[in-house]
Amino acid sequence: MIGPDATGLLAAERYLRFHDLEAGPSFDAVTLWVDGAEVSEREEMAGTGDPEVDRILGPMHAIETGAGCLRYEITFENCVAYGWRDESYVVPEADEDVSTMLRRYDRSAYLDYITASTFAADAAPFPLQHFALVTLDAVIDVVCADAPRVRAQMLGPDDPGPKPGQPRDFV
């Protein structure tokens, strides 16, 4: 484990891959695991089947996770709601700060939805905050009381996560 607070390391990540999500450790908490990812040095052609399109696109570099990358454990407590969105269909918030993959909102469409569909804004003994964790695979939204606890661990070559050159489905 790389220290008790890896929030700064998470904030510095440019790419993240979703790994896992589970309710807990308490009934009102949710824990997420995401992996840091890096741009591969290996060039690949798009392989669209159309030589002209492949020529226009040119060589590409995969974004991969593997040994030496960090796996983050992110635990939100005092949760009111959480949800998963496919990143391909996400509509950005107005004036969204895209400088970090862990984003905090005082106002958002998701927070409006939770406020309208629950009585948590009136009953919770804390102000509601919306956090969004943006990965290459998904956006995970969490409405809770406080910023999450973030821990990190370096991935080794025997980690069960996806490896460069292998399918990206998680085991």
C-alpha atoms as a PDB file:
ATOM      1  CA  MET A   1       0.000   0.000   0.000  1.00  0.00           C
ATOM      2  CA  ILE A   2       1.288   3.488  -0.823  1.00  0.00           C
ATOM      3  CA  GLY A   3       0.378   5.432   2.302  1.00  0.00           C
ATOM      4  CA  PRO A   4      -2.996   6.148   3.872  1.00  0.00           C
ATOM      5  CA  ASP A   5      -3.946   9.047   1.557  1.00  0.00           C
ATOM      6  CA  ALA A   6      -3.341   8.746  -2.174  1.00  0.00           C
ATOM      7  CA  THR A   7      -5.741  11.539  -3.176  1.00  0.00           C
ATOM      8  CA  GLY A   8      -2.900  13.575  -4.691  1.00  0.00           C
ATOM      9  CA  LEU A   9      -1.715  10.613  -6.756  1.00  0.00           C
ATOM     10  CA  LEU A  10      -5.254  10.008  -8.024  1.00  0.00           C
ATOM     11  CA  ALA A  11      -5.613  13.692  -8.937  1.00  0.00           C
ATOM     12  CA  ALA A  12      -2.439  13.467 -11.034  1.00  0.00           C
ATOM     13  CA  GLU A  13      -3.658  10.493 -13.116  1.00  0.00           C
ATOM     14  CA  ARG A  14      -4.466  11.303 -16.726  1.00  0.00           C
ATOM     15  CA  TYR A  15      -6.259   8.022 -17.541  1.00  0.00           C
ATOM     16  CA  LEU A  16      -8.160   5.591 -15.314  1.00  0.00           C
ATOM     17  CA  ARG A  17      -9.740   2.208 -16.040  1.00  0.00           C
ATOM     18  CA  PHE A  18     -12.714   0.975 -14.036  1.00  0.00           C
ATOM     19  CA  HIS A  19     -11.899  -2.234 -12.151  1.00  0.00           C
ATOM     20  CA  ASP A  20     -14.627  -2.982  -9.591  1.00  0.00           C
ATOM     21  CA  LEU A  21     -17.321  -1.577  -7.321  1.00  0.00           C
ATOM     22  CA  GLU A  22     -18.901  -3.003  -4.183  1.00  0.00           C
ATOM     23  CA  ALA A  23     -21.245  -1.811  -1.481  1.00  0.00           C
ATOM     24  CA  GLY A  24     -19.495  -1.515   1.855  1.00  0.00           C
ATOM     25  CA  PRO A  25     -17.614  -1.765   4.130  1.00  0.00           C
ATOM     26  CA  SER A  26     -20.632  -0.347   6.019  1.00  0.00           C
ATOM     27  CA  PHE A  27     -24.265  -0.271   4.870  1.00  0.00           C
ATOM     28  CA  ASP A  28     -24.021   3.376   3.749  1.00  0.00           C
ATOM     29  CA  ALA A  29     -20.659   3.150   1.953  1.00  0.00           C
ATOM     30  CA  VAL A  30     -19.446   2.223  -1.510  1.00  0.00           C
ATOM     31  CA  THR A  31     -15.903   1.252  -2.515  1.00  0.00           C
ATOM     32  CA  LEU A  32     -14.542   1.580  -6.051  1.00  0.00           C
ATOM     33  CA  TRP A  33     -11.340   0.258  -7.534  1.00  0.00           C
ATOM     34  CA  VAL A  34      -9.802   1.928 -10.572  1.00  0.00           C
ATOM     35  CA  ASP A  35      -6.436   1.416 -12.251  1.00  0.00           C
ATOM     36  CA  GLY A  36      -4.124   4.096 -13.546  1.00  0.00           C
ATOM     37  CA  ALA A  37      -3.392   3.673 -17.254  1.00  0.00           C
ATOM     38  CA  GLU A  38      -0.695   4.894 -19.607  1.00  0.00           C
ATOM     39  CA  VAL A  39      -0.337   5.494 -23.327  1.00  0.00           C
ATOM     40  CA  SER A  40       1.535   2.594 -24.910  1.00  0.00           C
ATOM     41  CA  GLU A  41       4.711   3.309 -26.849  1.00  0.00           C
ATOM     42  CA  ARG A  42       3.685   0.605 -29.341  1.00  0.00           C
ATOM     43  CA  GLU A  43       2.071   1.940 -32.528  1.00  0.00           C
ATOM     44  CA  GLU A  44      -0.890   0.121 -34.057  1.00  0.00           C
ATOM     45  CA  MET A  45      -2.967   0.811 -37.140  1.00  0.00           C
ATOM     46  CA  ALA A  46      -6.698   1.314 -36.665  1.00  0.00           C
ATOM     47  CA  GLY A  47      -7.600  -1.726 -38.763  1.00  0.00           C
ATOM     48  CA  THR A  48     -10.968  -0.359 -39.914  1.00  0.00           C
ATOM     49  CA  GLY A  49     -10.948  -2.485 -43.062  1.00  0.00           C
ATOM     50  CA  ASP A  50     -10.788   0.626 -45.240  1.00  0.00           C
ATOM     51  CA  PRO A  51      -7.188   1.434 -46.263  1.00  0.00           C
ATOM     52  CA  GLU A  52      -8.030   5.095 -46.922  1.00  0.00           C
ATOM     53  CA  VAL A  53      -9.570   5.559 -43.456  1.00  0.00           C
ATOM     54  CA  ASP A  54      -6.591   3.742 -41.881  1.00  0.00           C
ATOM     55  CA  ARG A  55      -4.215   6.075 -43.765  1.00  0.00           C
ATOM     56  CA  ILE A  56      -6.115   9.173 -42.571  1.00  0.00           C
ATOM     57  CA  LEU A  57      -6.216   7.980 -38.969  1.00  0.00           C
ATOM     58  CA  GLY A  58      -2.570   6.969 -39.017  1.00  0.00           C
ATOM     59  CA  PRO A  59      -0.827   5.016 -36.279  1.00  0.00           C
ATOM     60  CA  MET A  60      -2.501   4.885 -32.859  1.00  0.00           C
ATOM     61  CA  HIS A  61      -1.342   4.139 -29.310  1.00  0.00           C
ATOM     62  CA  ALA A  62      -3.439   2.045 -26.936  1.00  0.00           C
ATOM     63  CA  ILE A  63      -4.120   3.233 -23.386  1.00  0.00           C
ATOM     64  CA  GLU A  64      -3.194   0.296 -21.149  1.00  0.00           C
ATOM     65  CA  THR A  65      -2.865  -0.637 -17.521  1.00  0.00           C
ATOM     66  CA  GLY A  66      -0.321  -3.060 -16.163  1.00  0.00           C
ATOM     67  CA  ALA A  67       2.678  -3.606 -13.921  1.00  0.00           C
ATOM     68  CA  GLY A  68       3.890  -0.324 -12.461  1.00  0.00           C
ATOM     69  CA  CYS A  69       0.505   1.379 -12.678  1.00  0.00           C
ATOM     70  CA  LEU A  70      -1.432   2.142  -9.514  1.00  0.00           C
ATOM     71  CA  ARG A  71      -4.703   0.542  -8.416  1.00  0.00           C
ATOM     72  CA  TYR A  72      -6.779   2.949  -6.339  1.00  0.00           C
ATOM     73  CA  GLU A  73      -9.260   1.944  -3.653  1.00  0.00           C
ATOM     74  CA  ILE A  74     -11.750   4.794  -3.234  1.00  0.00           C
ATOM     75  CA  THR A  75     -14.247   4.564  -0.359  1.00  0.00           C
ATOM     76  CA  PHE A  76     -17.187   6.926  -0.003  1.00  0.00           C
ATOM     77  CA  GLU A  77     -19.040   6.905   3.340  1.00  0.00           C
ATOM     78  CA  ASN A  78     -22.422   8.343   4.352  1.00  0.00           C
ATOM     79  CA  CYS A  79     -23.682   7.680   0.819  1.00  0.00           C
ATOM     80  CA  VAL A  80     -27.173   8.650  -0.221  1.00  0.00           C
ATOM     81  CA  ALA A  81     -26.900   7.279  -3.779  1.00  0.00           C
ATOM     82  CA  TYR A  82     -24.464   6.053  -6.368  1.00  0.00           C
ATOM     83  CA  GLY A  83     -24.774   5.187 -10.028  1.00  0.00           C
ATOM     84  CA  TRP A  84     -22.839   4.031 -13.066  1.00  0.00           C
ATOM     85  CA  ARG A  85     -22.986   5.717 -16.504  1.00  0.00           C
ATOM     86  CA  ASP A  86     -21.430   4.543 -19.764  1.00  0.00           C
ATOM     87  CA  GLU A  87     -18.860   7.229 -20.589  1.00  0.00           C
ATOM     88  CA  SER A  88     -19.927   7.223 -24.251  1.00  0.00           C
ATOM     89  CA  TYR A  89     -23.293   8.809 -23.389  1.00  0.00           C
ATOM     90  CA  VAL A  90     -22.354  11.255 -20.627  1.00  0.00           C
ATOM     91  CA  VAL A  91     -23.365  14.882 -21.069  1.00  0.00           C
ATOM     92  CA  PRO A  92     -20.781  17.144 -19.379  1.00  0.00           C
ATOM     93  CA  GLU A  93     -21.889  19.565 -16.680  1.00  0.00           C
ATOM     94  CA  ALA A  94     -21.761  23.265 -17.507  1.00  0.00           C
ATOM     95  CA  ASP A  95     -18.380  24.725 -16.479  1.00  0.00           C
ATOM     96  CA  GLU A  96     -17.075  21.240 -15.645  1.00  0.00           C
ATOM     97  CA  ASP A  97     -13.517  21.129 -14.298  1.00  0.00           C
ATOM     98  CA  VAL A  98     -11.810  18.466 -16.411  1.00  0.00           C
ATOM     99  CA  SER A  99      -8.395  18.849 -14.750  1.00  0.00           C
ATOM    100  CA  THR A 100      -8.935  15.792 -12.532  1.00  0.00           C
ATOM    101  CA  MET A 101     -10.697  12.446 -12.892  1.00  0.00           C
ATOM    102  CA  LEU A 102     -12.282  12.749  -9.408  1.00  0.00           C
ATOM    103  CA  ARG A 103     -14.679  15.675  -9.656  1.00  0.00           C
ATOM    104  CA  ARG A 104     -16.783  17.381  -6.979  1.00  0.00           C
ATOM    105  CA  TYR A 105     -19.998  19.279  -7.693  1.00  0.00           C
ATOM    106  CA  ASP A 106     -22.125  21.516  -5.496  1.00  0.00           C
ATOM    107  CA  ARG A 107     -24.682  21.622  -8.322  1.00  0.00           C
ATOM    108  CA  SER A 108     -25.244  19.020 -11.034  1.00  0.00           C
ATOM    109  CA  ALA A 109     -27.964  17.231 -12.963  1.00  0.00           C
ATOM    110  CA  TYR A 110     -27.293  14.068 -10.918  1.00  0.00           C
ATOM    111  CA  LEU A 111     -27.566  15.958  -7.625  1.00  0.00           C
ATOM    112  CA  ASP A 112     -30.819  17.546  -8.864  1.00  0.00           C
ATOM    113  CA  TYR A 113     -32.123  14.053  -9.702  1.00  0.00           C
ATOM    114  CA  ILE A 114     -31.253  12.680  -6.242  1.00  0.00           C
ATOM    115  CA  THR A 115     -32.751  15.734  -4.543  1.00  0.00           C
ATOM    116  CA  ALA A 116     -35.979  15.378  -6.557  1.00  0.00           C
ATOM    117  CA  SER A 117     -36.311  11.611  -6.135  1.00  0.00           C
ATOM    118  CA  THR A 118     -35.407  11.317  -2.427  1.00  0.00           C
ATOM    119  CA  PHE A 119     -35.979  13.355   0.728  1.00  0.00           C
ATOM    120  CA  ALA A 120     -32.267  13.166   1.614  1.00  0.00           C
ATOM    121  CA  ALA A 121     -31.616  16.882   1.078  1.00  0.00           C
ATOM    122  CA  ASP A 122     -34.133  17.655   3.837  1.00  0.00           C
ATOM    123  CA  ALA A 123     -33.382  14.742   6.169  1.00  0.00           C
ATOM    124  CA  ALA A 124     -29.623  14.152   5.981  1.00  0.00           C
ATOM    125  CA  PRO A 125     -27.640  15.781   8.808  1.00  0.00           C
ATOM    126  CA  PHE A 126     -25.069  16.974   6.260  1.00  0.00           C
ATOM    127  CA  PRO A 127     -25.084  18.915   2.971  1.00  0.00           C
ATOM    128  CA  LEU A 128     -25.198  16.640  -0.069  1.00  0.00           C
ATOM    129  CA  GLN A 129     -22.156  16.593  -2.331  1.00  0.00           C
ATOM    130  CA  HIS A 130     -21.850  14.969  -5.737  1.00  0.00           C
ATOM    131  CA  PHE A 131     -18.585  13.293  -6.685  1.00  0.00           C
ATOM    132  CA  ALA A 132     -17.971  11.804 -10.134  1.00  0.00           C
ATOM    133  CA  LEU A 133     -15.108   9.460 -10.887  1.00  0.00           C
ATOM    134  CA  VAL A 134     -14.369   9.593 -14.625  1.00  0.00           C
ATOM    135  CA  THR A 135     -12.711   6.560 -16.207  1.00  0.00           C
ATOM    136  CA  LEU A 136     -12.137   5.416 -19.773  1.00  0.00           C
ATOM    137  CA  ASP A 137     -14.898   2.843 -19.253  1.00  0.00           C
ATOM    138  CA  ALA A 138     -17.529   4.573 -17.103  1.00  0.00           C
ATOM    139  CA  VAL A 139     -18.463   7.537 -14.958  1.00  0.00           C
ATOM    140  CA  ILE A 140     -19.381   6.592 -11.406  1.00  0.00           C
ATOM    141  CA  ASP A 141     -21.496   9.161  -9.555  1.00  0.00           C
ATOM    142  CA  VAL A 142     -21.737   9.246  -5.756  1.00  0.00           C
ATOM    143  CA  VAL A 143     -23.825  11.560  -3.562  1.00  0.00           C
ATOM    144  CA  CYS A 144     -22.532  11.615   0.004  1.00  0.00           C
ATOM    145  CA  ALA A 145     -21.380  13.765   2.906  1.00  0.00           C
ATOM    146  CA  ASP A 146     -17.614  13.954   2.502  1.00  0.00           C
ATOM    147  CA  ALA A 147     -14.717  13.464   0.120  1.00  0.00           C
ATOM    148  CA  PRO A 148     -13.664   9.819  -0.240  1.00  0.00           C
ATOM    149  CA  ARG A 149     -10.773   8.004   1.393  1.00  0.00           C
ATOM    150  CA  VAL A 150      -8.238   7.077  -1.306  1.00  0.00           C
ATOM    151  CA  ARG A 151      -5.546   4.418  -1.015  1.00  0.00           C
ATOM    152  CA  ALA A 152      -3.250   3.092  -3.731  1.00  0.00           C
ATOM    153  CA  GLN A 153      -1.219  -0.002  -4.454  1.00  0.00           C
ATOM    154  CA  MET A 154       1.226  -0.615  -7.291  1.00  0.00           C
ATOM    155  CA  LEU A 155       0.215  -3.321  -9.758  1.00  0.00           C
ATOM    156  CA  GLY A 156       2.665  -6.159 -10.258  1.00  0.00           C
ATOM    157  CA  PRO A 157       3.134  -8.466 -13.238  1.00  0.00           C
ATOM    158  CA  ASP A 158       0.942 -11.151 -11.604  1.00  0.00           C
ATOM    159  CA  ASP A 159      -2.013  -8.844 -10.956  1.00  0.00           C
ATOM    160  CA  PRO A 160      -5.309 -10.278 -12.254  1.00  0.00           C
ATOM    161  CA  GLY A 161      -6.159  -7.060 -14.101  1.00  0.00           C
ATOM    162  CA  PRO A 162      -5.873  -6.627 -17.884  1.00  0.00           C
ATOM    163  CA  LYS A 163      -2.371  -6.663 -19.342  1.00  0.00           C
ATOM    164  CA  PRO A 164      -1.016  -4.911 -22.435  1.00  0.00           C
ATOM    165  CA  GLY A 165      -1.848  -6.931 -25.532  1.00  0.00           C
ATOM    166  CA  GLN A 166      -4.594  -8.936 -23.775  1.00  0.00           C
ATOM    167  CA  PRO A 167      -8.358  -8.400 -23.930  1.00  0.00           C
ATOM    168  CA  ARG A 168      -9.425  -5.584 -21.642  1.00  0.00           C
ATOM    169  CA  ASP A 169     -12.286  -7.439 -19.997  1.00  0.00           C
ATOM    170  CA  PHE A 170     -11.808  -7.727 -16.258  1.00  0.00           C
ATOM    171  CA  VAL A 171     -11.484 -11.171 -14.748  1.00  0.00           C
END
